[in-house]
Amino acid sequence: MTLTKPGQAAGASVRTRLADVAGRLFGGGSPTVFALLVVVFVVIFVMNPSFAEPPSMMAFLKKAAPLVILAVGQYFVIVCGELDLSVGSLVGAQVVIAAALIDGEESRTVPVLFVMLAFGILVGLVNGLITTLLKVHSLITTLGMMLVLYGAIRLWTGGAPTGALSEAFRQPGRGGIDMPVVRQLPWSLVILFAVVVAAVVLMRGSYGRTLIATGDNEKTAMFSGARVWQVRTSAFVLSSVMASLAGVLIGGFAGVTAQVGQGLEFTAITAVVLGGVVLGGGRGTVVAAMAGALTIEALFTLFNQMALPSTIRPAVQGVIIIAAVAYAARERARPGPHTQTPPAPPEQNPDRDPAVT
């Protein structure tokens, strides 16, 4: 029997409380992320009261819309137990491809949008089928796709993209509807609202329940009749489609450079885990994932107002991911209220014949 000293027990209790606080702050579920979002906004409003004015809020939401849409796509993949590291490179590839194909011609805008959609679906299918049918881990699959897209675009453009986006292509990310109070209701916000409604409806239906069940327990989902490989492949397709849509919005206000979309995959993952979605799948809501994206964007805005260097952003994202993963692993290891401790084996007398009852 091992005896624990009171001092050791108190130290372990303090460490446990600190781990709970860190985990709940950086990955403890939807109530926490909404509270954190409110706190960040309050600090921003105190430092810059003009930020609370409707035009400033509309500008913030316009800037945050692409990240929120990326977080929705990443949520579909993470909640079913996978990861997608290719979305950042896909965003950059879509913007560069659109600029090269449109080349300033307004009449080419709609056909190029369909080309972008088809290309996004193709990338998602490749990611999903390699992961599900060839049994390659999604981390490796999408990392490879990220490098393929990154290298192919630079090989094609020589590191200096050519062409130009049309004004019609830029309108969804740059334009909006003129209104009296907010000055302008951004088209990106309207698109974001449509994505939010579609994602919530999708996750409340049978597909969403199957997606979560697949991430929670793959074998159980298979025994219940779910086609796991189809569900996970469709999640990768949705992620790539969301990345393509985010590329359209980013193309509206960002320049056509080889660095467009760089690092967005990690920012989207950070947003999702900050919303309490467990890496490994099976738990989390799409609304909380979107709240995590808004919180990340608000934190970056706060850092800008505090004149902090931009290099602090990757460090913050790393802390959030590590804390969220550690908290999720601890929660999974913690026995539930109905968990029973197996009975100890009966003691045996070494001098007694075990065959004698």
Protein backbone atom coordinates (compact mmCIF):
# COMPACT_ATOMS: atom_id res chain seq x y z
CA MET A 1 0.00 0.00 0.00
CA THR A 2 1.38 3.42 -1.01
CA LEU A 3 0.95 6.29 1.41
CA THR A 4 0.61 9.83 0.09
CA LYS A 5 1.90 12.64 2.24
CA PRO A 6 -0.46 15.60 2.86
CA GLY A 7 1.95 17.98 1.15
CA GLN A 8 2.12 15.82 -1.95
CA ALA A 9 -1.67 15.52 -2.07
CA ALA A 10 -2.04 19.30 -1.77
CA GLY A 11 0.50 19.86 -4.54
CA ALA A 12 -1.26 17.38 -6.81
CA SER A 13 -4.56 19.09 -6.08
CA VAL A 14 -3.13 22.49 -7.02
CA ARG A 15 -1.66 21.10 -10.24
CA THR A 16 -5.00 19.50 -11.06
CA ARG A 17 -6.83 22.79 -10.54
CA LEU A 18 -4.29 24.66 -12.68
CA ALA A 19 -4.65 22.07 -15.45
CA ASP A 20 -8.43 22.40 -15.28
CA VAL A 21 -8.24 26.20 -15.48
CA ALA A 22 -5.84 26.12 -18.45
CA GLY A 23 -7.87 23.48 -20.21
CA ARG A 24 -11.18 25.19 -19.69
CA LEU A 25 -9.71 28.52 -20.78
CA PHE A 26 -8.17 27.18 -23.99
CA GLY A 27 -10.38 24.24 -24.89
CA GLY A 28 -13.06 23.57 -22.36
CA GLY A 29 -16.19 23.78 -24.47
CA SER A 30 -18.70 26.23 -25.87
CA PRO A 31 -19.63 28.11 -22.65
CA THR A 32 -15.97 28.96 -22.08
CA VAL A 33 -15.28 30.16 -25.61
CA PHE A 34 -18.33 32.44 -25.60
CA ALA A 35 -17.27 33.90 -22.25
CA LEU A 36 -13.73 34.40 -23.55
CA LEU A 37 -15.11 36.10 -26.67
CA VAL A 38 -17.09 38.54 -24.54
CA VAL A 39 -14.06 39.28 -22.35
CA VAL A 40 -11.83 39.99 -25.36
CA PHE A 41 -14.42 42.30 -26.88
CA VAL A 42 -14.83 44.18 -23.59
CA VAL A 43 -11.07 44.76 -23.42
CA ILE A 44 -11.06 45.96 -27.04
CA PHE A 45 -13.97 48.33 -26.38
CA VAL A 46 -12.20 49.76 -23.31
CA MET A 47 -8.99 50.35 -25.25
CA ASN A 48 -10.77 51.64 -28.36
CA PRO A 49 -14.40 52.74 -27.77
CA SER A 50 -14.90 53.52 -31.47
CA PHE A 51 -14.54 49.81 -32.23
CA ALA A 52 -18.03 49.27 -30.78
CA GLU A 53 -19.61 51.43 -33.49
CA PRO A 54 -21.60 49.48 -36.12
CA PRO A 55 -19.29 50.32 -39.08
CA SER A 56 -16.25 49.08 -37.16
CA MET A 57 -18.04 45.89 -36.16
CA MET A 58 -19.06 45.28 -39.77
CA ALA A 59 -15.44 45.73 -40.85
CA PHE A 60 -14.34 43.24 -38.19
CA LEU A 61 -16.90 40.64 -39.29
CA LYS A 62 -15.94 41.14 -42.93
CA LYS A 63 -12.33 40.38 -42.04
CA ALA A 64 -13.27 37.42 -39.82
CA ALA A 65 -15.67 35.77 -42.29
CA PRO A 66 -13.03 33.73 -44.21
CA LEU A 67 -11.57 32.29 -40.99
CA VAL A 68 -15.02 31.40 -39.66
CA ILE A 69 -15.85 29.61 -42.91
CA LEU A 70 -12.53 27.76 -42.78
CA ALA A 71 -13.30 26.76 -39.18
CA VAL A 72 -16.64 25.30 -40.30
CA GLY A 73 -14.89 23.13 -42.87
CA GLN A 74 -12.19 22.11 -40.41
CA TYR A 75 -14.88 21.25 -37.87
CA PHE A 76 -16.44 18.67 -40.21
CA VAL A 77 -13.07 16.92 -40.53
CA ILE A 78 -12.01 17.13 -36.88
CA VAL A 79 -15.31 16.01 -35.38
CA CYS A 80 -15.14 12.78 -37.41
CA GLY A 81 -11.66 12.07 -36.09
CA GLU A 82 -9.39 13.46 -38.81
CA LEU A 83 -7.34 16.60 -39.66
CA ASP A 84 -6.99 18.72 -42.80
CA LEU A 85 -3.70 20.58 -43.17
CA SER A 86 -4.19 21.39 -46.85
CA VAL A 87 -6.79 24.17 -46.56
CA GLY A 88 -4.27 27.03 -46.32
CA SER A 89 -2.44 25.98 -49.48
CA LEU A 90 -5.77 25.36 -51.19
CA VAL A 91 -6.88 28.92 -50.42
CA GLY A 92 -3.67 30.28 -51.95
CA ALA A 93 -3.93 27.99 -54.96
CA GLN A 94 -7.53 29.01 -55.63
CA VAL A 95 -6.72 32.72 -55.55
CA VAL A 96 -3.70 32.30 -57.84
CA ILE A 97 -5.64 30.07 -60.26
CA ALA A 98 -8.54 32.53 -60.37
CA ALA A 99 -6.25 35.47 -61.12
CA ALA A 100 -4.48 33.58 -63.89
CA LEU A 101 -7.68 32.34 -65.53
CA ILE A 102 -9.73 35.54 -65.19
CA ASP A 103 -6.90 37.93 -66.04
CA GLY A 104 -9.17 40.94 -65.49
CA GLU A 105 -11.95 39.75 -67.82
CA GLU A 106 -15.35 40.18 -66.17
CA SER A 107 -17.00 37.62 -68.46
CA ARG A 108 -14.74 34.86 -67.13
CA THR A 109 -15.76 35.32 -63.50
CA VAL A 110 -18.63 32.83 -63.28
CA PRO A 111 -16.93 30.03 -65.29
CA VAL A 112 -13.80 30.38 -63.14
CA LEU A 113 -15.91 30.13 -59.97
CA PHE A 114 -17.21 26.78 -61.23
CA VAL A 115 -13.63 25.72 -61.98
CA MET A 116 -12.65 26.63 -58.43
CA LEU A 117 -15.55 24.63 -57.03
CA ALA A 118 -14.61 21.58 -59.12
CA PHE A 119 -10.96 21.88 -58.10
CA GLY A 120 -11.91 22.13 -54.42
CA ILE A 121 -14.11 19.05 -54.67
CA LEU A 122 -11.29 17.17 -56.42
CA VAL A 123 -8.79 18.04 -53.68
CA GLY A 124 -11.27 16.98 -50.99
CA LEU A 125 -11.96 13.69 -52.77
CA VAL A 126 -8.26 12.90 -53.08
CA ASN A 127 -7.68 13.67 -49.40
CA GLY A 128 -10.69 11.63 -48.32
CA LEU A 129 -10.13 8.59 -50.51
CA ILE A 130 -6.43 8.31 -49.67
CA THR A 131 -7.28 8.56 -45.98
CA THR A 132 -10.22 6.15 -45.96
CA LEU A 133 -9.48 3.60 -48.68
CA LEU A 134 -5.68 3.53 -48.60
CA LYS A 135 -5.66 3.91 -44.79
CA VAL A 136 -3.06 6.68 -44.80
CA HIS A 137 -3.34 8.88 -41.71
CA SER A 138 -5.04 12.16 -42.54
CA LEU A 139 -2.17 14.11 -40.98
CA ILE A 140 0.21 12.62 -43.55
CA THR A 141 -2.28 12.76 -46.42
CA THR A 142 -3.18 16.42 -46.03
CA LEU A 143 0.39 17.42 -45.20
CA GLY A 144 1.40 15.88 -48.51
CA MET A 145 -1.43 17.66 -50.30
CA MET A 146 -0.39 20.94 -48.68
CA LEU A 147 3.14 20.53 -50.03
CA VAL A 148 1.90 19.44 -53.45
CA LEU A 149 -0.33 22.50 -53.82
CA TYR A 150 2.34 24.80 -52.41
CA GLY A 151 5.02 23.50 -54.77
CA ALA A 152 2.77 23.24 -57.84
CA ILE A 153 1.61 26.85 -57.61
CA ARG A 154 5.16 28.14 -57.21
CA LEU A 155 6.39 25.95 -60.04
CA TRP A 156 3.58 27.25 -62.28
CA THR A 157 4.00 30.93 -61.39
CA GLY A 158 7.73 30.98 -60.66
CA GLY A 159 6.91 32.54 -57.28
CA ALA A 160 5.33 35.61 -58.92
CA PRO A 161 1.62 35.04 -59.75
CA THR A 162 0.34 36.69 -62.90
CA GLY A 163 -3.07 37.87 -64.02
CA ALA A 164 -5.69 39.90 -62.18
CA LEU A 165 -9.01 39.30 -60.46
CA SER A 166 -12.09 40.90 -61.93
CA GLU A 167 -14.18 43.41 -60.02
CA ALA A 168 -17.10 40.97 -59.98
CA PHE A 169 -14.86 38.35 -58.34
CA ARG A 170 -13.77 40.82 -55.67
CA GLN A 171 -17.29 41.96 -54.80
CA PRO A 172 -18.17 39.11 -52.38
CA GLY A 173 -15.12 39.83 -50.25
CA ARG A 174 -14.91 43.60 -50.70
CA GLY A 175 -18.39 44.94 -51.46
CA GLY A 176 -21.70 45.03 -49.67
CA ILE A 177 -25.17 46.54 -49.40
CA ASP A 178 -25.29 50.23 -48.46
CA MET A 179 -27.36 50.78 -45.31
CA PRO A 180 -28.02 53.84 -43.12
CA VAL A 181 -26.70 52.71 -39.71
CA VAL A 182 -23.90 50.29 -40.50
CA ARG A 183 -22.96 52.13 -43.72
CA GLN A 184 -22.48 48.83 -45.49
CA LEU A 185 -23.65 45.28 -44.88
CA PRO A 186 -20.79 43.18 -46.31
CA TRP A 187 -21.60 40.46 -48.79
CA SER A 188 -19.16 38.28 -46.89
CA LEU A 189 -21.37 38.55 -43.82
CA VAL A 190 -24.41 37.49 -45.85
CA ILE A 191 -22.44 34.52 -47.21
CA LEU A 192 -21.23 33.69 -43.71
CA PHE A 193 -24.81 33.72 -42.40
CA ALA A 194 -25.84 31.29 -45.15
CA VAL A 195 -22.91 29.00 -44.27
CA VAL A 196 -23.83 29.12 -40.57
CA VAL A 197 -27.45 28.17 -41.25
CA ALA A 198 -26.46 25.36 -43.63
CA ALA A 199 -23.87 23.96 -41.20
CA VAL A 200 -26.28 24.00 -38.23
CA VAL A 201 -29.04 22.31 -40.25
CA LEU A 202 -26.57 19.74 -41.56
CA MET A 203 -25.25 18.88 -38.10
CA ARG A 204 -28.74 18.60 -36.63
CA GLY A 205 -29.72 16.05 -39.27
CA SER A 206 -28.80 12.40 -39.70
CA TYR A 207 -25.55 13.28 -41.46
CA GLY A 208 -24.33 15.31 -38.49
CA ARG A 209 -25.20 12.57 -36.02
CA THR A 210 -23.40 10.01 -38.17
CA LEU A 211 -20.37 12.31 -38.46
CA ILE A 212 -20.10 12.68 -34.69
CA ALA A 213 -20.72 8.96 -34.12
CA THR A 214 -17.92 8.13 -36.56
CA GLY A 215 -15.48 10.32 -34.65
CA ASP A 216 -16.64 8.96 -31.30
CA ASN A 217 -16.37 5.25 -32.12
CA GLU A 218 -15.69 4.09 -35.65
CA LYS A 219 -16.51 0.44 -35.03
CA THR A 220 -19.81 1.21 -33.34
CA ALA A 221 -20.76 3.49 -36.22
CA MET A 222 -19.94 0.72 -38.70
CA PHE A 223 -22.00 -1.85 -36.78
CA SER A 224 -24.94 0.58 -36.76
CA GLY A 225 -24.90 0.66 -40.55
CA ALA A 226 -22.92 3.86 -41.24
CA ARG A 227 -20.58 3.88 -44.21
CA VAL A 228 -17.64 5.39 -42.39
CA TRP A 229 -15.44 5.85 -45.44
CA GLN A 230 -18.15 7.79 -47.26
CA VAL A 231 -18.88 10.00 -44.25
CA ARG A 232 -15.22 10.87 -43.73
CA THR A 233 -14.60 11.43 -47.43
CA SER A 234 -17.56 13.82 -47.59
CA ALA A 235 -16.14 15.69 -44.59
CA PHE A 236 -12.90 16.30 -46.51
CA VAL A 237 -14.90 17.46 -49.53
CA LEU A 238 -16.86 19.91 -47.38
CA SER A 239 -13.61 21.20 -45.88
CA SER A 240 -12.13 21.83 -49.33
CA VAL A 241 -15.32 23.52 -50.55
CA MET A 242 -15.27 25.82 -47.51
CA ALA A 243 -11.61 26.60 -48.22
CA SER A 244 -12.49 27.47 -51.82
CA LEU A 245 -15.25 29.80 -50.62
CA ALA A 246 -12.84 31.39 -48.15
CA GLY A 247 -10.43 31.88 -51.05
CA VAL A 248 -13.08 33.84 -52.95
CA LEU A 249 -13.62 36.15 -49.96
CA ILE A 250 -9.90 36.57 -49.28
CA GLY A 251 -9.33 37.39 -52.94
CA GLY A 252 -11.69 40.32 -52.53
CA PHE A 253 -9.42 42.29 -50.19
CA ALA A 254 -6.02 40.59 -50.38
CA GLY A 255 -3.49 40.91 -53.12
CA VAL A 256 -2.66 38.06 -55.47
CA THR A 257 0.59 36.81 -53.99
CA ALA A 258 2.21 33.44 -53.41
CA GLN A 259 1.74 33.91 -49.66
CA VAL A 260 -2.08 34.09 -49.72
CA GLY A 261 -3.51 31.51 -47.33
CA GLN A 262 -0.18 30.67 -45.73
CA GLY A 263 -0.68 29.40 -42.16
CA LEU A 264 -4.48 29.50 -42.30
CA GLU A 265 -4.71 25.75 -41.71
CA PHE A 266 -3.19 26.10 -38.25
CA THR A 267 -5.31 29.13 -37.42
CA ALA A 268 -8.46 27.21 -38.38
CA ILE A 269 -7.43 24.21 -36.25
CA THR A 270 -6.71 26.56 -33.34
CA ALA A 271 -10.15 28.13 -33.71
CA VAL A 272 -11.88 24.74 -33.71
CA VAL A 273 -10.10 23.38 -30.63
CA LEU A 274 -10.62 26.70 -28.84
CA GLY A 275 -14.32 26.11 -29.40
CA GLY A 276 -14.09 22.89 -27.43
CA VAL A 277 -14.08 20.46 -30.35
CA VAL A 278 -11.96 17.49 -29.32
CA LEU A 279 -9.06 16.51 -31.56
CA GLY A 280 -9.78 12.88 -32.22
CA GLY A 281 -13.45 13.47 -32.89
CA GLY A 282 -16.77 12.66 -31.31
CA ARG A 283 -17.47 15.85 -29.38
CA GLY A 284 -18.09 19.51 -30.14
CA THR A 285 -20.56 21.80 -31.90
CA VAL A 286 -20.15 23.74 -35.11
CA VAL A 287 -21.45 26.93 -33.46
CA ALA A 288 -18.72 26.73 -30.82
CA ALA A 289 -16.12 26.21 -33.55
CA MET A 290 -17.29 29.40 -35.26
CA ALA A 291 -17.18 31.22 -31.93
CA GLY A 292 -13.60 30.02 -31.59
CA ALA A 293 -12.76 31.57 -34.95
CA LEU A 294 -14.29 34.89 -33.91
CA THR A 295 -12.34 34.73 -30.65
CA ILE A 296 -9.06 34.13 -32.49
CA GLU A 297 -9.75 37.06 -34.82
CA ALA A 298 -10.67 39.25 -31.84
CA LEU A 299 -7.46 38.25 -30.06
CA PHE A 300 -5.42 39.22 -33.11
CA THR A 301 -7.25 42.56 -33.21
CA LEU A 302 -6.45 43.09 -29.54
CA PHE A 303 -2.79 42.30 -30.17
CA ASN A 304 -2.73 44.92 -32.92
CA GLN A 305 -4.23 47.52 -30.62
CA MET A 306 -1.66 46.66 -27.96
CA ALA A 307 1.10 47.07 -30.60
CA LEU A 308 2.35 43.55 -29.96
CA PRO A 309 4.57 41.97 -32.63
CA SER A 310 2.88 39.69 -35.14
CA THR A 311 5.29 36.93 -34.18
CA ILE A 312 3.29 36.38 -31.00
CA ARG A 313 0.40 34.89 -32.97
CA PRO A 314 1.97 31.47 -33.68
CA ALA A 315 3.01 31.22 -30.03
CA VAL A 316 -0.55 31.88 -28.84
CA GLN A 317 -1.94 29.36 -31.32
CA GLY A 318 0.55 26.76 -30.11
CA VAL A 319 -0.38 27.32 -26.46
CA ILE A 320 -4.09 26.98 -27.28
CA ILE A 321 -3.62 23.73 -29.23
CA ILE A 322 -1.37 22.14 -26.59
CA ALA A 323 -3.67 23.12 -23.72
CA ALA A 324 -6.79 21.96 -25.54
CA VAL A 325 -5.28 18.59 -26.50
CA ALA A 326 -3.92 18.04 -22.98
CA TYR A 327 -7.29 18.88 -21.45
CA ALA A 328 -9.15 16.59 -23.86
CA ALA A 329 -6.76 13.71 -23.14
CA ARG A 330 -7.21 14.22 -19.41
CA GLU A 331 -10.99 14.28 -19.74
CA ARG A 332 -10.97 11.04 -21.71
CA ALA A 333 -8.73 9.36 -19.14
CA ARG A 334 -10.93 10.47 -16.24
CA PRO A 335 -13.42 7.72 -15.27
CA GLY A 336 -17.07 8.65 -15.66
CA PRO A 337 -19.73 8.51 -12.93
CA HIS A 338 -20.88 5.06 -14.05
CA THR A 339 -17.44 3.58 -14.40
CA GLN A 340 -17.01 0.58 -12.11
CA THR A 341 -13.71 -0.56 -10.73
CA PRO A 342 -13.15 -4.21 -11.57
CA PRO A 343 -13.03 -6.46 -8.49
CA ALA A 344 -9.61 -7.44 -7.25
CA PRO A 345 -8.63 -11.06 -7.76
CA PRO A 346 -8.99 -13.22 -4.65
CA GLU A 347 -5.91 -13.73 -2.58
CA GLN A 348 -4.35 -17.12 -2.90
CA ASN A 349 -2.47 -19.05 -0.26
CA PRO A 350 0.84 -20.15 -1.77
CA ASP A 351 0.81 -23.24 0.50
CA ARG A 352 -2.60 -24.31 -0.73
CA ASP A 353 -3.21 -26.37 -3.83
CA PRO A 354 -5.17 -24.12 -6.25
CA ALA A 355 -7.07 -27.17 -7.49
CA VAL A 356 -8.57 -27.75 -4.04
CA THR A 357 -11.79 -25.76 -3.42
